[in-house]
Every structure is written in structure tokens, then in C-alpha cells.
Protein backbone atom coordinates (compact mmCIF):
# COMPACT_ATOMS: atom_id res chain seq x y z
CA MET A 1 0.00 0.00 0.00
CA ARG A 2 1.11 3.59 -0.69
CA LYS A 3 0.78 5.00 2.81
CA ILE A 4 1.64 8.72 3.03
CA LEU A 5 3.67 10.24 5.84
CA VAL A 6 3.70 14.03 6.19
CA TRP A 7 6.36 15.41 8.52
CA VAL A 8 5.03 18.25 10.63
CA LEU A 9 6.19 20.85 13.10
CA ALA A 10 2.78 22.39 13.70
CA ALA A 11 -0.85 21.56 12.98
CA ALA A 12 -2.83 21.97 9.75
CA LEU A 13 -1.08 23.94 6.98
CA ALA A 14 1.84 24.89 9.19
CA ALA A 15 3.02 21.26 8.91
CA GLY A 16 6.66 20.87 7.92
CA MET A 17 7.32 24.64 7.77
CA ALA A 18 10.38 26.41 9.15
CA CYS A 19 10.55 29.86 10.82
CA LYS A 20 7.74 31.98 12.22
CA LYS A 21 7.03 33.83 8.96
CA GLU A 22 3.97 33.05 6.92
CA SER A 23 3.77 32.32 3.20
CA LYS A 24 0.53 32.00 1.29
CA GLU A 25 2.40 30.13 -1.44
CA VAL A 26 3.88 27.53 0.90
CA SER A 27 0.57 27.25 2.76
CA SER A 28 -1.21 26.64 -0.54
CA GLN A 29 1.37 24.03 -1.57
CA MET A 30 1.08 22.27 1.76
CA ALA A 31 -2.73 22.28 1.39
CA THR A 32 -2.35 20.74 -2.06
CA ALA A 33 0.02 18.13 -0.64
CA GLN A 34 -2.56 17.26 2.01
CA LYS A 35 -5.16 16.76 -0.72
CA ILE A 36 -2.76 14.44 -2.53
CA ALA A 37 -2.18 12.53 0.70
CA LYS A 38 -5.93 12.10 1.22
CA LEU A 39 -6.43 10.96 -2.37
CA GLU A 40 -3.62 8.44 -2.12
CA GLN A 41 -5.11 7.06 1.07
CA ASP A 42 -8.39 6.61 -0.83
CA ILE A 43 -6.45 4.92 -3.64
CA ASP A 44 -4.87 2.52 -1.13
CA GLN A 45 -8.26 1.52 0.27
CA LYS A 46 -9.92 1.13 -3.12
CA GLN A 47 -6.94 -0.71 -4.62
CA GLU A 48 -6.93 -3.17 -1.73
CA LYS A 49 -10.61 -3.87 -2.44
CA VAL A 50 -9.79 -4.39 -6.13
CA ASN A 51 -7.03 -6.83 -5.15
CA GLN A 52 -9.42 -8.71 -2.87
CA LEU A 53 -11.96 -9.02 -5.67
CA LEU A 54 -9.24 -10.16 -8.11
CA ARG A 55 -8.13 -12.86 -5.67
CA GLN A 56 -11.76 -13.94 -5.28
CA TYR A 57 -12.13 -14.03 -9.07
CA VAL A 58 -9.05 -16.26 -9.44
CA GLN A 59 -10.13 -18.53 -6.55
CA GLU A 60 -13.50 -19.04 -8.24
CA GLY A 61 -11.81 -20.25 -11.41
CA GLY A 62 -11.23 -17.05 -13.35
CA GLN A 63 -7.78 -18.04 -14.63
CA ASP A 64 -8.10 -16.32 -18.02
CA ILE A 65 -6.50 -13.07 -16.79
CA GLY A 66 -3.31 -14.79 -15.63
CA GLY A 67 -1.56 -14.36 -12.31
CA VAL A 68 -2.63 -11.44 -10.13
CA VAL A 69 0.67 -10.13 -8.78
CA GLY A 70 0.66 -6.36 -9.25
CA GLN A 71 -0.98 -3.48 -7.46
CA THR A 72 -3.42 -2.94 -10.32
CA LEU A 73 -4.73 -4.49 -13.51
CA THR A 74 -2.54 -4.37 -16.58
CA PRO A 75 -4.19 -3.01 -19.76
CA GLU A 76 -4.26 -6.57 -21.13
CA GLN A 77 -5.95 -7.96 -18.01
CA LYS A 78 -8.48 -5.15 -18.02
CA ALA A 79 -9.29 -5.78 -21.70
CA LEU A 80 -9.80 -9.49 -21.01
CA LEU A 81 -12.17 -8.75 -18.14
CA GLU A 82 -14.16 -6.30 -20.26
CA GLN A 83 -14.42 -8.90 -23.02
CA LYS A 84 -15.53 -11.58 -20.54
CA LEU A 85 -18.13 -9.18 -19.12
CA ARG A 86 -19.61 -8.69 -22.61
CA GLU A 87 -19.62 -12.43 -23.30
CA GLU A 88 -20.89 -13.59 -19.89
CA LYS A 89 -24.30 -15.25 -20.02
CA GLY A 90 -26.40 -15.21 -16.89
CA ILE A 91 -25.08 -14.31 -13.46
CA GLY A 92 -21.80 -16.30 -13.36
CA TYR A 93 -18.87 -13.92 -12.91
CA ARG A 94 -20.81 -10.96 -14.27
CA ASP A 95 -21.44 -9.14 -10.99
CA LEU A 96 -17.91 -9.85 -9.74
CA ILE A 97 -16.25 -8.67 -12.97
CA ASN A 98 -18.47 -5.60 -13.12
CA ASP A 99 -17.52 -4.75 -9.51
CA ILE A 100 -13.80 -5.19 -10.27
CA LEU A 101 -13.93 -2.93 -13.35
CA ALA A 102 -16.02 -0.29 -11.57
CA ARG A 103 -13.64 -0.10 -8.63
CA GLN A 104 -10.63 -0.13 -10.96
CA LYS A 105 -12.18 2.86 -12.78
CA GLU A 106 -12.50 4.67 -9.43
CA VAL A 107 -8.79 4.01 -8.72
CA GLU A 108 -7.78 5.29 -12.15
CA ASP A 109 -9.90 8.43 -11.73
CA LEU A 110 -8.30 9.14 -8.36
CA LYS A 111 -4.81 8.66 -9.83
CA VAL A 112 -5.65 11.21 -12.52
CA GLN A 113 -6.69 13.65 -9.78
CA VAL A 114 -3.38 13.02 -8.00
CA GLN A 115 -1.45 13.66 -11.21
CA GLU A 116 -3.32 16.92 -11.79
CA LEU A 117 -2.59 18.11 -8.24
CA GLU A 118 1.09 17.12 -8.52
CA LYS A 119 1.38 19.34 -11.62
CA LYS A 120 0.59 22.31 -9.36
CA LEU A 121 3.58 21.55 -7.09
CA PRO A 122 7.34 21.80 -7.58
CA ALA A 123 8.86 18.52 -8.72
CA ALA A 124 9.60 16.01 -5.97
CA VAL A 125 12.98 14.29 -5.52
CA VAL A 126 12.86 10.52 -5.97
CA VAL A 127 15.13 9.03 -3.32
CA GLN A 128 18.16 7.05 -4.51
CA ARG A 129 20.26 4.67 -2.43
CA GLY A 130 22.37 6.64 0.04
CA ASP A 131 20.29 9.85 -0.10
CA ARG A 132 19.69 11.69 3.19
CA HIS A 133 16.76 13.99 3.88
CA TYR A 134 19.10 16.62 5.32
CA ASP A 135 21.28 16.66 2.19
CA LEU A 136 18.26 16.84 -0.13
CA ALA A 137 16.83 19.76 1.86
CA MET A 138 20.17 21.63 1.91
CA ASN A 139 20.68 21.02 -1.81
CA PHE A 140 17.19 22.38 -2.56
CA LEU A 141 17.65 25.55 -0.49
CA THR A 142 21.24 26.34 -1.54
CA LYS A 143 21.34 25.25 -5.19
CA GLU A 144 17.74 25.76 -6.27
CA LYS A 145 16.76 28.69 -4.05
CA GLY A 146 20.20 30.32 -3.72
CA LEU A 147 20.33 30.53 0.09
CA ASP A 148 23.71 30.59 1.81
CA PRO A 149 24.54 27.37 3.72
CA ALA A 150 24.17 28.96 7.16
CA GLN A 151 20.70 30.31 6.40
CA ALA A 152 19.66 27.02 4.78
CA LYS A 153 20.94 25.01 7.74
CA LYS A 154 18.98 27.17 10.15
CA LEU A 155 15.75 26.53 8.22
CA VAL A 156 16.38 22.80 7.83
CA GLU A 157 17.12 22.36 11.53
CA GLN A 158 13.65 23.73 12.34
CA VAL A 159 11.78 20.93 10.55
CA ASN A 160 11.49 17.24 11.32
CA LEU A 161 13.53 15.15 8.88
CA MET A 162 13.30 11.42 8.28
CA ASP A 163 16.54 9.70 9.34
CA GLU A 164 16.22 6.66 7.08
CA LEU A 165 15.03 7.17 3.52
CA VAL A 166 14.25 4.17 1.32
CA PRO A 167 14.98 4.22 -2.44
CA GLY A 168 11.79 5.16 -4.25
CA PHE A 169 10.45 7.52 -1.57
CA LYS A 170 9.46 11.00 -2.80
CA VAL A 171 10.79 14.03 -0.92
CA TRP A 172 8.88 17.27 -1.51
CA ASN A 173 10.43 20.67 -0.74
CA PHE A 174 8.67 24.06 -0.65
CA TYR A 175 10.22 27.49 -0.06
CA ASP A 176 9.00 31.07 -0.23
CA ASN A 177 10.05 34.26 1.53
CA GLY A 178 11.97 32.58 4.35
CA VAL A 179 9.45 29.79 4.88
CA TYR A 180 10.53 26.18 4.22
CA GLY A 181 8.36 23.06 4.25
CA THR A 182 9.00 19.41 3.40
CA PHE A 183 7.28 16.04 3.55
CA VAL A 184 7.96 12.45 2.44
CA THR A 185 5.71 10.04 0.54
CA GLN A 186 6.19 6.40 -0.35
CA GLY A 187 6.47 6.97 -4.10
CA GLU A 188 7.61 3.79 -5.80
CA ALA A 189 9.16 2.20 -2.69
CA SER A 190 7.89 -1.17 -1.47
CA VAL A 191 7.58 0.04 2.13
CA SER A 192 5.98 3.17 3.56
CA PRO A 193 7.78 5.76 5.73
CA TYR A 194 5.34 4.82 8.49
CA ARG A 195 6.51 1.20 8.36
CA VAL A 196 10.18 2.25 8.55
CA ILE A 197 9.52 4.22 11.73
CA GLN A 198 7.39 1.44 13.22
CA ARG A 199 10.21 -1.08 12.74
CA ALA A 200 12.62 1.14 14.67
CA LYS A 201 10.08 1.52 17.48
CA GLN A 202 9.47 -2.22 17.52
CA ALA A 203 13.17 -2.84 18.13
CA LEU A 204 12.97 -0.66 21.25
CA VAL A 205 9.81 -2.42 22.40
CA SER A 206 11.52 -5.81 21.99
CA ALA A 207 14.48 -4.64 24.10
CA ARG A 208 12.08 -3.44 26.78
CA ASP A 209 10.17 -6.74 26.76
CA THR A 210 13.43 -8.65 27.18
CA ALA A 211 14.38 -6.54 30.18
CA VAL A 212 10.95 -7.04 31.75
CA SER A 213 11.25 -10.79 31.20
CA GLN A 214 14.63 -10.81 32.97
CA ARG A 215 13.16 -8.85 35.86
CA ASP A 216 10.30 -11.33 36.21
CA ALA A 217 12.74 -14.26 36.18
CA LEU A 218 14.72 -12.65 39.01
CA ALA A 219 11.53 -12.08 40.99
CA LYS A 220 10.59 -15.73 40.54
CA GLU A 221 14.04 -16.85 41.67
CA LYS A 222 13.77 -14.58 44.68
CA THR A 223 10.41 -16.14 45.59
CA THR A 224 11.92 -19.62 45.26
CA LEU A 225 14.75 -18.71 47.61
CA LEU A 226 12.31 -17.29 50.14
CA GLU A 227 10.38 -20.55 50.06
CA GLN A 228 13.60 -22.46 50.61
CA VAL A 229 14.39 -20.29 53.64
CA ALA A 230 10.94 -20.94 55.11
CA ASP A 231 11.35 -24.68 54.53
CA LEU A 232 14.73 -24.70 56.27
CA GLU A 233 13.29 -22.82 59.21
CA ARG A 234 10.46 -25.37 59.52
CA LYS A 235 12.98 -28.21 59.48
CA ARG A 236 15.05 -26.49 62.12
CA ASP A 237 11.97 -26.16 64.38
CA GLN A 238 11.03 -29.77 63.79
CA LEU A 239 14.39 -31.44 64.20
CA ASN A 240 16.14 -28.98 66.46
CA GLN A 241 19.44 -30.39 65.28
CA ASP A 242 22.58 -28.84 64.02
CA VAL A 243 21.30 -25.36 64.80
CA ALA A 244 24.61 -23.75 63.92
CA MET A 245 24.66 -25.33 60.46
CA LEU A 246 21.08 -24.32 59.77
CA GLN A 247 21.80 -20.77 60.91
CA ALA A 248 24.82 -20.61 58.63
CA GLU A 249 22.74 -21.86 55.70
CA ARG A 250 20.02 -19.38 56.51
CA ALA A 251 22.51 -16.52 56.66
CA ASP A 252 23.92 -17.60 53.31
CA LEU A 253 20.48 -17.70 51.74
CA LEU A 254 19.60 -14.30 53.18
CA ARG A 255 22.82 -12.92 51.72
CA LYS A 256 21.85 -14.30 48.33
CA MET A 257 18.43 -12.77 48.71
CA GLN A 258 20.01 -9.41 49.43
CA GLU A 259 22.31 -9.77 46.45
CA LEU A 260 19.34 -10.61 44.27
CA ASN A 261 17.41 -7.70 45.70
CA ASP A 262 20.36 -5.39 45.07
CA LEU A 263 20.67 -6.79 41.55
CA SER A 264 16.94 -6.31 40.99
CA GLU A 265 17.13 -2.70 42.20
CA ASP A 266 20.16 -2.10 40.00
CA LEU A 267 18.35 -3.53 37.00
CA LYS A 268 15.31 -1.38 37.75
CA ALA A 269 17.55 1.66 37.94
CA ARG A 270 19.22 0.76 34.66
CA LEU A 271 15.90 0.10 32.96
CA ASN A 272 14.82 3.60 33.94
CA SER A 273 18.15 5.29 33.22
CA VAL A 274 19.80 7.09 30.33
CA PHE A 275 23.49 6.24 29.90
CA TYR A 276 25.80 9.05 28.92
CA ARG A 277 29.32 10.27 28.43
CA VAL A 278 30.70 13.83 28.73
CA GLY A 279 33.60 15.00 26.61
CA ASP A 280 35.20 17.47 24.26
CA ARG A 281 33.90 17.29 20.68
CA LYS A 282 37.33 16.83 19.08
CA THR A 283 38.40 14.21 21.62
CA LEU A 284 35.17 12.27 21.24
CA ALA A 285 35.48 12.31 17.46
CA ALA A 286 39.16 11.24 17.61
CA GLN A 287 38.21 8.33 19.88
CA GLY A 288 35.53 7.26 17.40
CA VAL A 289 32.70 7.77 19.90
CA ILE A 290 30.83 10.29 17.70
CA HIS A 291 30.82 11.52 14.14
CA ASP A 292 30.15 15.26 13.75
CA GLY A 293 30.73 16.63 10.24
CA LEU A 294 30.34 20.17 8.98
CA PHE A 295 26.96 19.59 7.33
CA THR A 296 25.80 16.60 9.33
CA LYS A 297 24.25 16.23 12.73
CA ALA A 298 26.36 14.67 15.43
CA ARG A 299 25.65 10.95 15.79
CA ILE A 300 26.97 8.19 18.03
CA THR A 301 29.28 5.64 16.38
CA LYS A 302 30.17 3.50 19.40
CA PHE A 303 27.51 1.76 21.47
CA ASP A 304 29.58 -0.51 23.71
CA GLU A 305 29.01 -0.28 27.46
CA ALA A 306 32.47 1.20 28.09
CA SER A 307 31.59 4.24 25.95
CA PHE A 308 28.84 5.27 28.41
CA PRO A 309 30.35 5.11 31.92
CA ASN A 310 27.70 7.28 33.59
CA HIS A 311 23.96 6.95 33.97
CA LEU A 312 21.08 9.03 35.34
CA ASP A 313 18.08 7.32 36.97
CA LEU A 314 15.14 9.16 35.38
CA ARG A 315 12.83 8.13 38.24
CA SER A 316 14.66 10.41 40.64
CA GLY A 317 16.39 13.06 38.55
CA ASP A 318 16.32 14.97 35.27
CA THR A 319 19.45 17.14 35.43
CA ILE A 320 23.14 16.38 34.79
CA LYS A 321 25.79 18.78 36.11
CA PHE A 322 29.49 18.60 35.24
CA THR A 323 32.64 20.72 35.37
CA ALA A 324 35.03 21.81 32.64
CA GLU A 325 37.66 19.53 34.21
CA GLU A 326 35.31 16.55 33.94
CA ALA A 327 34.68 17.43 30.31
CA GLY A 328 38.41 17.65 29.64
CA VAL A 329 38.42 21.32 28.56
CA PRO A 330 39.74 24.56 30.09
CA LEU A 331 36.36 26.29 29.75
CA ILE A 332 32.95 25.18 28.59
CA LYS A 333 31.68 27.30 25.69
CA SER A 334 28.80 25.29 24.30
CA VAL A 335 26.90 22.06 25.01
CA LYS A 336 24.81 19.83 22.77
CA LEU A 337 23.57 16.22 22.81
CA ALA A 338 24.24 13.45 20.32
CA PRO A 339 22.54 12.00 18.41
CA GLU A 340 21.29 15.44 17.30
CA ALA A 341 18.72 13.83 15.01
CA SER A 342 16.96 12.41 18.09
CA PHE A 343 17.45 15.13 20.72
CA LYS A 344 16.32 18.68 19.92
CA ALA A 345 17.63 21.54 22.04
CA GLY A 346 14.80 23.49 23.63
CA VAL A 347 12.35 20.67 22.95
CA ASP A 348 13.86 17.53 24.43
CA TYR A 349 16.47 19.20 26.65
CA MET A 350 17.90 22.52 27.80
CA ALA A 351 21.66 23.08 28.18
CA ALA A 352 23.21 25.94 30.16
CA VAL A 353 26.81 27.05 30.73
CA LEU A 354 27.40 28.16 34.35
CA SER A 355 30.10 29.90 36.40
CA ASP A 356 31.71 31.60 33.39
CA GLY A 357 32.33 28.32 31.65
CA LYS A 358 33.64 26.36 34.63
CA GLU A 359 30.45 24.32 34.92
CA ALA A 360 27.45 23.35 32.81
CA GLN A 361 24.20 21.49 33.21
CA VAL A 362 21.77 19.63 30.95
CA LYS A 363 18.11 19.44 31.99
CA LEU A 364 16.17 16.63 30.30
CA LEU A 365 12.65 17.65 29.30
CA ASN A 366 11.35 14.69 27.29
CA LEU A 367 12.16 11.92 29.78
CA ASP A 368 10.26 9.25 27.83
CA LYS A 369 12.41 9.85 24.76
CA PHE A 370 15.66 9.62 26.73
CA LYS A 371 14.45 6.45 28.44
CA ALA A 372 13.62 4.94 25.03
CA GLU A 373 16.90 6.00 23.37
CA ARG A 374 18.89 4.59 26.34
CA SER A 375 22.17 6.39 25.52
CA MET A 376 23.51 9.85 24.65
CA VAL A 377 26.75 11.80 24.47
CA ILE A 378 27.12 15.28 25.97
CA VAL A 379 29.33 17.09 23.46
CA VAL A 380 31.24 20.10 24.79
CA ASN A 381 32.61 22.88 22.57
């Protein structure tokens, strides 16, 4: 199905726009894009019904149109169905074929409407392997609209971009009078942008489920040990023998219980924590912990446990304070979080330089996002 995903920063026609200015042209283009999105959703629903009817037709013995493998009827298949409809005597396949052709006509009419609306918009970019939304947006603003890189970067950083583009996606860009908007559609790709995002979320959900399963196993083991302790105490009361040995065994079991309890608490803390590292940008890049290019957002390149020696339990705190000495710099001038594509300053967190650069702090605003991401790097200077 050709699911449509529109990336937005605000509601309605402000979706996907950058800066606080207004542009009737960009608003009109975004409205047209929304109409296209609605039409394509209708096409998806109607095409799925056509496909269901085609499968029913084949299952009932209608083999004359060949294999049904595409998203729509080929001209040859459509001609064969029209011929069969004219030749059909009695009920037979007549109603089914008539329904298929009628719904196929509705799909074709909607596609014509989409094509007419697309003619009113600037041409979209069809994604090729290796393309990045950020690069496509920068290329559009600098090469097609003539903006300087700094101005273009400022506009691009104000919109939500899709991290992983799939070949065949369509990227639409709009610009007028300091207002920039963009959105992504499935185009000719075999998977929708929505599905790409859902897969990434599912990976996080699976990791969470695994952690919960481990927690439950520990709780069960703890319960088993408690039952063993109770059984030993009953035997001690009944036999009243070798009290010292039983007391030693009981103490050992209680110690294990405490260790398990401590381990359980530690796991709970880790499950609710964000793991982080603080360091100088150049040092972190030289160590291979992050990659931070001139026109790219800083991203994490190492995910081993040793790369994130610190953690903050989000159940009890939301602020990280550190000194210039801890960051490995003489003075702190600026602070940002990596990956930048995930954490937005002013939205997900707020960073502040204190004591004339001798200290700094990062206050986490979107705790659910940090808990889901699990790790981050605090990049200084």
C-alpha cells in the first residue's frame, strides 16, 4: 500500500514549515500536498478492495487473466475482463467482474486527480540509495533557491527530517520568503515511511520486553529462595538439630536474597536510566565515539558499554551537572547532545553554561524519549 507520511512541526497547513514567517504560497502548496495525501489514502483503500476481488475471481476459477501479482490491472488484463463481461451469459462472474472494473475505474480516476494536483507543485525528488533527507533539503535551499549554507541550515534544523530514507520515496520541498516546508511520501518504494519508523520503534519495544522478562525471572528466583528459607526454618523447628549449620545456611540464603534484591534494584535503575558520556567534541570524534561533520548532525558511532560510563536514573532526577575539568576542557563554551537527530535543544532538553564556563548542566525535558533512546553523548565545545 502507498501510505503517506507528512512530517510536521505544527498543525494543519503549518506542517513541515520552518521559521515563524507566513507564506501564502507555501501554505497553498502544503494544502495541495494534504489533498494528494488524502487521495492516495483513498487509492490505497480502493486498490486493496480491487485486489481482494481479483483474488476472489481467481479462486473461483477465473484463470483467463493470468496471475494477479501487481498493485493494479494491466491493460491486457483489463481488456480481457471487459471482453468476458460482454460475453458472460447469466449471473456467473458478471457481478464480480463488473464490480472489479467499476472499482478499478475509481482508482484510475483518483490517480488522474493526484497527477493533476502534482502538476501544481514543484517537482519532488525521488530518493536514490544513500540519499539523506538533510542533504536533499540543503541542496534544494542552496542550489535551487540560492540561500547561503548557514541560512539554509537554520531553516532545515527547524523541521522534522526522516533519518532513514528508502529508495523510491518521494521528498517534496517548498520554499517562499523565508518559509521552508518538506514532507515524504512512499512513491515507488515497497515500504511506507510509516513502516520504517514502526520497525525502529518495535526494536525498542523488543528490548524493553526482554528486560521485563529478565526482571520477572529474578523475581521468581527470589520467591523460590524465600520458600527455601521458610522450609529450612520449619525443618530447624522440627528437628532442632545442628542449629549452627542451619543458621549458617540461613545466613547464606539471606545474603543471596540481598544480592538478588540489590541486583533487581540495580536492573530497575538501569531500565529507567539514560546512559551518557561527557567529553570534548574533538576528543570524542578522535576516539571514534561520535561523528560530527560540517553539514551533518552529530551521531553516536560506538555503542559498547564502556563508551557510556555514567547513567542518570530518570525516576529520581532529570538534570546532569558537570565541570570543565570533567569534560576535559579549560572552559565550557557550548553544550549539545548526540545523536542530534533524536534530541532537539529546547524541545527535548535545555543546556546551560554556568560559572563563566567552569560548569554546565543539561536538563532533560522529554524523559520518555531519553528512556527509550537509552544512551547519549554530551558534546562540549
